[in-house]
Amino acid sequence: MSAPVVLRVVAAPAFPALVLRPWRMEDVAALVEVSRDPVLRRWVNSAVDDDADGARWVRAQQRGWVAGERFGFAVLETQPASVRGQLVGNVVLKEVAPGRSAAEVGYWTAAHARGRAVASRALEALTDWAFGTFEADGLERLELLHQVDNLASCRVAQKCRYDFDTVLPAAPPSFPRDGHLHVRRAGA
């Protein structure tokens, strides 16, 4: 991906517009702030405790874009009168490769933005972009994994038409509990 990708989700009556764009170094302070949330820390496998951790994490996201195999988007909520958006989440498309039929999606939502359909609206935008961009290269399905006790992620998967496929056994340390695998196929 040589050109920057920016995805937009239009405002709905109850929800502000969202902008999904690649992570930038200017996002580090906001990333560190939202990463203090103990609920978020429970579900992610890389801790961001300070600016140095945040900068490393953002650089890793940027390297994924350069390599063309991992596409992480900062999700920003925008207000009509605001020039800048507020960080409300992250969505990622990973394990993308030409000729590979499946890739994985993931997401998280900042504590202050939960309950406002951020994850589901951002995931829908990412899903549409992923199939629109990579289907010609062989992408047929997207896989979404979450731990069985992450009920909010299960609801997001269902809302976004990712069908439940199977229970996966735990794979510590990055996946310490059994998980659900949800799948969305191209054209679904």
C-alpha atoms as a PDB file:
ATOM      1  CA  MET A   1       0.000   0.000   0.000  1.00  0.00           C
ATOM      2  CA  SER A   2       1.812   3.071  -1.170  1.00  0.00           C
ATOM      3  CA  ALA A   3      -0.985   5.618  -0.765  1.00  0.00           C
ATOM      4  CA  PRO A   4      -2.383   6.341   2.692  1.00  0.00           C
ATOM      5  CA  VAL A   5      -5.748   4.716   3.276  1.00  0.00           C
ATOM      6  CA  VAL A   6      -8.421   6.661   5.119  1.00  0.00           C
ATOM      7  CA  LEU A   7     -11.826   5.086   5.691  1.00  0.00           C
ATOM      8  CA  ARG A   8     -14.825   7.139   6.734  1.00  0.00           C
ATOM      9  CA  VAL A   9     -17.962   6.059   8.542  1.00  0.00           C
ATOM     10  CA  VAL A  10     -20.767   8.593   8.244  1.00  0.00           C
ATOM     11  CA  ALA A  11     -22.540   9.876  11.311  1.00  0.00           C
ATOM     12  CA  ALA A  12     -25.794   8.232  12.319  1.00  0.00           C
ATOM     13  CA  PRO A  13     -28.548   9.883  14.376  1.00  0.00           C
ATOM     14  CA  ALA A  14     -27.133   8.525  17.645  1.00  0.00           C
ATOM     15  CA  PHE A  15     -23.454   8.242  16.678  1.00  0.00           C
ATOM     16  CA  PRO A  16     -20.804  10.688  15.434  1.00  0.00           C
ATOM     17  CA  ALA A  17     -18.778  10.073  12.293  1.00  0.00           C
ATOM     18  CA  LEU A  18     -15.637   7.920  12.467  1.00  0.00           C
ATOM     19  CA  VAL A  19     -12.370   8.221  10.576  1.00  0.00           C
ATOM     20  CA  LEU A  20     -10.095   5.177  10.281  1.00  0.00           C
ATOM     21  CA  ARG A  21      -6.529   5.975   9.294  1.00  0.00           C
ATOM     22  CA  PRO A  22      -3.073   4.477   9.778  1.00  0.00           C
ATOM     23  CA  TRP A  23      -1.520   5.071  13.188  1.00  0.00           C
ATOM     24  CA  ARG A  24       0.798   8.098  13.551  1.00  0.00           C
ATOM     25  CA  MET A  25       3.352   9.102  16.151  1.00  0.00           C
ATOM     26  CA  GLU A  26       1.049  11.952  17.168  1.00  0.00           C
ATOM     27  CA  ASP A  27      -1.335   9.247  18.481  1.00  0.00           C
ATOM     28  CA  VAL A  28       1.094   7.995  21.153  1.00  0.00           C
ATOM     29  CA  ALA A  29      -0.182  10.131  24.054  1.00  0.00           C
ATOM     30  CA  ALA A  30      -3.812   9.185  23.387  1.00  0.00           C
ATOM     31  CA  LEU A  31      -2.816   5.523  22.966  1.00  0.00           C
ATOM     32  CA  VAL A  32      -1.033   5.522  26.342  1.00  0.00           C
ATOM     33  CA  GLU A  33      -4.076   7.144  27.962  1.00  0.00           C
ATOM     34  CA  VAL A  34      -6.633   4.637  26.614  1.00  0.00           C
ATOM     35  CA  SER A  35      -4.263   1.746  27.370  1.00  0.00           C
ATOM     36  CA  ARG A  36      -4.543   2.442  31.109  1.00  0.00           C
ATOM     37  CA  ASP A  37      -8.018   0.888  31.068  1.00  0.00           C
ATOM     38  CA  PRO A  38      -7.897  -2.467  32.955  1.00  0.00           C
ATOM     39  CA  VAL A  39     -10.705  -3.926  30.823  1.00  0.00           C
ATOM     40  CA  LEU A  40      -8.795  -3.190  27.610  1.00  0.00           C
ATOM     41  CA  ARG A  41      -5.567  -4.547  29.111  1.00  0.00           C
ATOM     42  CA  ARG A  42      -7.355  -7.823  29.842  1.00  0.00           C
ATOM     43  CA  TRP A  43      -8.028  -8.462  26.152  1.00  0.00           C
ATOM     44  CA  VAL A  44      -4.912  -7.154  24.377  1.00  0.00           C
ATOM     45  CA  ASN A  45      -1.619  -9.038  24.324  1.00  0.00           C
ATOM     46  CA  SER A  46       0.768  -6.078  24.263  1.00  0.00           C
ATOM     47  CA  ALA A  47       0.866  -3.625  27.143  1.00  0.00           C
ATOM     48  CA  VAL A  48       1.384   0.073  26.444  1.00  0.00           C
ATOM     49  CA  ASP A  49       2.497   1.596  29.740  1.00  0.00           C
ATOM     50  CA  ASP A  50       4.310   4.750  28.656  1.00  0.00           C
ATOM     51  CA  ASP A  51       5.328   6.878  25.684  1.00  0.00           C
ATOM     52  CA  ALA A  52       8.231   4.558  24.787  1.00  0.00           C
ATOM     53  CA  ASP A  53       5.862   1.547  24.648  1.00  0.00           C
ATOM     54  CA  GLY A  54       3.360   3.602  22.657  1.00  0.00           C
ATOM     55  CA  ALA A  55       6.002   4.692  20.145  1.00  0.00           C
ATOM     56  CA  ARG A  56       7.169   1.079  19.715  1.00  0.00           C
ATOM     57  CA  TRP A  57       3.579  -0.052  19.191  1.00  0.00           C
ATOM     58  CA  VAL A  58       2.879   2.660  16.609  1.00  0.00           C
ATOM     59  CA  ARG A  59       6.130   1.878  14.768  1.00  0.00           C
ATOM     60  CA  ALA A  60       5.106  -1.804  14.650  1.00  0.00           C
ATOM     61  CA  GLN A  61       1.777  -0.776  13.084  1.00  0.00           C
ATOM     62  CA  GLN A  62       3.631   1.353  10.543  1.00  0.00           C
ATOM     63  CA  ARG A  63       5.998  -1.519   9.682  1.00  0.00           C
ATOM     64  CA  GLY A  64       2.957  -3.720   9.019  1.00  0.00           C
ATOM     65  CA  TRP A  65       1.696  -1.220   6.445  1.00  0.00           C
ATOM     66  CA  VAL A  66       5.108  -1.028   4.768  1.00  0.00           C
ATOM     67  CA  ALA A  67       5.343  -4.835   4.618  1.00  0.00           C
ATOM     68  CA  GLY A  68       1.787  -5.033   3.245  1.00  0.00           C
ATOM     69  CA  GLU A  69       0.733  -7.762   5.665  1.00  0.00           C
ATOM     70  CA  ARG A  70      -0.822  -5.954   8.631  1.00  0.00           C
ATOM     71  CA  PHE A  71      -3.036  -2.900   8.339  1.00  0.00           C
ATOM     72  CA  GLY A  72      -3.771  -1.220  11.667  1.00  0.00           C
ATOM     73  CA  PHE A  73      -6.125   1.741  11.767  1.00  0.00           C
ATOM     74  CA  ALA A  74      -6.564   4.288  14.533  1.00  0.00           C
ATOM     75  CA  VAL A  75     -10.294   4.879  14.896  1.00  0.00           C
ATOM     76  CA  LEU A  76     -11.137   8.505  15.570  1.00  0.00           C
ATOM     77  CA  GLU A  77     -14.506   9.976  16.447  1.00  0.00           C
ATOM     78  CA  THR A  78     -15.089  13.289  14.748  1.00  0.00           C
ATOM     79  CA  GLN A  79     -17.462  16.097  15.629  1.00  0.00           C
ATOM     80  CA  PRO A  80     -18.652  18.620  13.023  1.00  0.00           C
ATOM     81  CA  ALA A  81     -16.939  21.584  14.722  1.00  0.00           C
ATOM     82  CA  SER A  82     -13.680  19.763  15.466  1.00  0.00           C
ATOM     83  CA  VAL A  83     -10.546  19.810  13.347  1.00  0.00           C
ATOM     84  CA  ARG A  84      -9.067  16.731  15.039  1.00  0.00           C
ATOM     85  CA  GLY A  85     -10.723  13.506  16.075  1.00  0.00           C
ATOM     86  CA  GLN A  86     -10.614  11.794  19.443  1.00  0.00           C
ATOM     87  CA  LEU A  87      -9.077   8.310  19.593  1.00  0.00           C
ATOM     88  CA  VAL A  88     -11.845   5.805  20.294  1.00  0.00           C
ATOM     89  CA  GLY A  89     -10.408   2.525  19.079  1.00  0.00           C
ATOM     90  CA  ASN A  90      -8.329   0.374  16.790  1.00  0.00           C
ATOM     91  CA  VAL A  91      -9.123  -2.062  13.996  1.00  0.00           C
ATOM     92  CA  VAL A  92      -6.621  -4.254  12.210  1.00  0.00           C
ATOM     93  CA  LEU A  93      -6.460  -6.564   9.220  1.00  0.00           C
ATOM     94  CA  LYS A  94      -3.598  -9.021   9.609  1.00  0.00           C
ATOM     95  CA  GLU A  95      -1.976 -12.012   7.960  1.00  0.00           C
ATOM     96  CA  VAL A  96      -2.831 -10.750   4.481  1.00  0.00           C
ATOM     97  CA  ALA A  97      -0.883 -12.273   1.594  1.00  0.00           C
ATOM     98  CA  PRO A  98      -1.520 -12.670  -2.140  1.00  0.00           C
ATOM     99  CA  GLY A  99      -3.009 -16.092  -2.823  1.00  0.00           C
ATOM    100  CA  ARG A 100      -3.965 -16.625   0.805  1.00  0.00           C
ATOM    101  CA  SER A 101      -7.700 -17.201   1.136  1.00  0.00           C
ATOM    102  CA  ALA A 102      -8.068 -16.009   4.753  1.00  0.00           C
ATOM    103  CA  ALA A 103      -6.943 -13.075   6.864  1.00  0.00           C
ATOM    104  CA  GLU A 104      -7.703 -12.095  10.447  1.00  0.00           C
ATOM    105  CA  VAL A 105      -9.397  -9.002  11.830  1.00  0.00           C
ATOM    106  CA  GLY A 106      -9.165  -7.556  15.313  1.00  0.00           C
ATOM    107  CA  TYR A 107     -10.314  -4.486  17.212  1.00  0.00           C
ATOM    108  CA  TRP A 108     -10.528  -2.754  20.536  1.00  0.00           C
ATOM    109  CA  THR A 109     -12.529   0.192  21.836  1.00  0.00           C
ATOM    110  CA  ALA A 110     -11.432   2.846  24.337  1.00  0.00           C
ATOM    111  CA  ALA A 111     -13.351   2.795  27.627  1.00  0.00           C
ATOM    112  CA  HIS A 112     -14.879   6.241  27.075  1.00  0.00           C
ATOM    113  CA  ALA A 113     -16.333   5.121  23.724  1.00  0.00           C
ATOM    114  CA  ARG A 114     -17.871   1.769  24.641  1.00  0.00           C
ATOM    115  CA  GLY A 115     -21.589   1.344  24.044  1.00  0.00           C
ATOM    116  CA  ARG A 116     -21.581   3.687  21.036  1.00  0.00           C
ATOM    117  CA  ALA A 117     -21.192   1.086  18.249  1.00  0.00           C
ATOM    118  CA  VAL A 118     -17.577   2.125  17.567  1.00  0.00           C
ATOM    119  CA  ALA A 119     -16.265  -1.440  17.173  1.00  0.00           C
ATOM    120  CA  SER A 120     -19.082  -2.651  14.942  1.00  0.00           C
ATOM    121  CA  ARG A 121     -19.094   0.438  12.688  1.00  0.00           C
ATOM    122  CA  ALA A 122     -15.294   0.411  12.360  1.00  0.00           C
ATOM    123  CA  LEU A 123     -15.231  -3.354  11.758  1.00  0.00           C
ATOM    124  CA  GLU A 124     -17.827  -3.025   8.977  1.00  0.00           C
ATOM    125  CA  ALA A 125     -15.704  -0.345   7.286  1.00  0.00           C
ATOM    126  CA  LEU A 126     -12.566  -2.492   7.627  1.00  0.00           C
ATOM    127  CA  THR A 127     -14.386  -5.573   6.313  1.00  0.00           C
ATOM    128  CA  ASP A 128     -15.677  -3.745   3.246  1.00  0.00           C
ATOM    129  CA  TRP A 129     -12.220  -2.300   2.565  1.00  0.00           C
ATOM    130  CA  ALA A 130     -10.479  -5.662   3.049  1.00  0.00           C
ATOM    131  CA  PHE A 131     -12.692  -7.528   0.593  1.00  0.00           C
ATOM    132  CA  GLY A 132     -12.710  -4.615  -1.847  1.00  0.00           C
ATOM    133  CA  THR A 133      -8.922  -4.367  -1.770  1.00  0.00           C
ATOM    134  CA  PHE A 134      -7.761  -7.987  -1.471  1.00  0.00           C
ATOM    135  CA  GLU A 135     -10.495 -10.208  -2.943  1.00  0.00           C
ATOM    136  CA  ALA A 136      -8.817 -10.077  -6.374  1.00  0.00           C
ATOM    137  CA  ASP A 137      -5.655 -11.428  -4.676  1.00  0.00           C
ATOM    138  CA  GLY A 138      -7.583 -14.456  -3.382  1.00  0.00           C
ATOM    139  CA  LEU A 139      -9.078 -13.223  -0.097  1.00  0.00           C
ATOM    140  CA  GLU A 140     -12.260 -15.242   0.465  1.00  0.00           C
ATOM    141  CA  ARG A 141     -12.858 -15.018   4.211  1.00  0.00           C
ATOM    142  CA  LEU A 142     -12.048 -12.971   7.253  1.00  0.00           C
ATOM    143  CA  GLU A 143     -11.580 -14.599  10.629  1.00  0.00           C
ATOM    144  CA  LEU A 144     -12.312 -12.975  13.963  1.00  0.00           C
ATOM    145  CA  LEU A 145     -11.040 -14.603  17.149  1.00  0.00           C
ATOM    146  CA  HIS A 146     -11.911 -13.690  20.723  1.00  0.00           C
ATOM    147  CA  GLN A 147     -11.753 -15.381  24.092  1.00  0.00           C
ATOM    148  CA  VAL A 148     -14.986 -17.147  25.065  1.00  0.00           C
ATOM    149  CA  ASP A 149     -15.526 -14.837  28.024  1.00  0.00           C
ATOM    150  CA  ASN A 150     -15.309 -11.670  25.897  1.00  0.00           C
ATOM    151  CA  LEU A 151     -19.039 -11.324  25.392  1.00  0.00           C
ATOM    152  CA  ALA A 152     -18.796  -7.813  23.926  1.00  0.00           C
ATOM    153  CA  SER A 153     -16.547  -9.071  21.116  1.00  0.00           C
ATOM    154  CA  CYS A 154     -18.955 -11.914  20.441  1.00  0.00           C
ATOM    155  CA  ARG A 155     -21.806  -9.391  20.078  1.00  0.00           C
ATOM    156  CA  VAL A 156     -19.716  -7.261  17.684  1.00  0.00           C
ATOM    157  CA  ALA A 157     -18.898 -10.341  15.580  1.00  0.00           C
ATOM    158  CA  GLN A 158     -22.556 -11.319  15.359  1.00  0.00           C
ATOM    159  CA  LYS A 159     -23.704  -7.772  14.586  1.00  0.00           C
ATOM    160  CA  CYS A 160     -21.172  -7.581  11.730  1.00  0.00           C
ATOM    161  CA  ARG A 161     -22.311 -10.919  10.246  1.00  0.00           C
ATOM    162  CA  TYR A 162     -19.235 -12.893  11.280  1.00  0.00           C
ATOM    163  CA  ASP A 163     -20.766 -16.337  11.760  1.00  0.00           C
ATOM    164  CA  PHE A 164     -19.660 -18.492  14.685  1.00  0.00           C
ATOM    165  CA  ASP A 165     -17.489 -21.321  13.363  1.00  0.00           C
ATOM    166  CA  THR A 166     -15.858 -23.204  16.224  1.00  0.00           C
ATOM    167  CA  VAL A 167     -14.375 -23.119  19.710  1.00  0.00           C
ATOM    168  CA  LEU A 168     -10.586 -22.945  19.682  1.00  0.00           C
ATOM    169  CA  PRO A 169      -8.503 -24.355  22.538  1.00  0.00           C
ATOM    170  CA  ALA A 170      -6.470 -21.939  24.653  1.00  0.00           C
ATOM    171  CA  ALA A 171      -2.978 -21.121  23.361  1.00  0.00           C
ATOM    172  CA  PRO A 172      -1.121 -19.400  26.223  1.00  0.00           C
ATOM    173  CA  PRO A 173       0.398 -16.934  26.710  1.00  0.00           C
ATOM    174  CA  SER A 174      -1.177 -14.773  23.988  1.00  0.00           C
ATOM    175  CA  PHE A 175      -4.540 -16.590  24.050  1.00  0.00           C
ATOM    176  CA  PRO A 176      -4.879 -17.857  27.642  1.00  0.00           C
ATOM    177  CA  ARG A 177      -8.502 -19.048  27.420  1.00  0.00           C
ATOM    178  CA  ASP A 178     -10.534 -21.010  24.900  1.00  0.00           C
ATOM    179  CA  GLY A 179     -11.727 -18.827  22.066  1.00  0.00           C
ATOM    180  CA  HIS A 180     -14.432 -18.402  19.493  1.00  0.00           C
ATOM    181  CA  LEU A 181     -13.645 -18.310  15.805  1.00  0.00           C
ATOM    182  CA  HIS A 182     -16.108 -16.289  13.731  1.00  0.00           C
ATOM    183  CA  VAL A 183     -15.918 -16.139   9.931  1.00  0.00           C
ATOM    184  CA  ARG A 184     -17.256 -13.732   7.340  1.00  0.00           C
ATOM    185  CA  ARG A 185     -17.056 -14.753   3.711  1.00  0.00           C
ATOM    186  CA  ALA A 186     -16.736 -12.434   0.737  1.00  0.00           C
ATOM    187  CA  GLY A 187     -20.158 -11.386  -0.481  1.00  0.00           C
ATOM    188  CA  ALA A 188     -21.868 -12.118   2.845  1.00  0.00           C
END
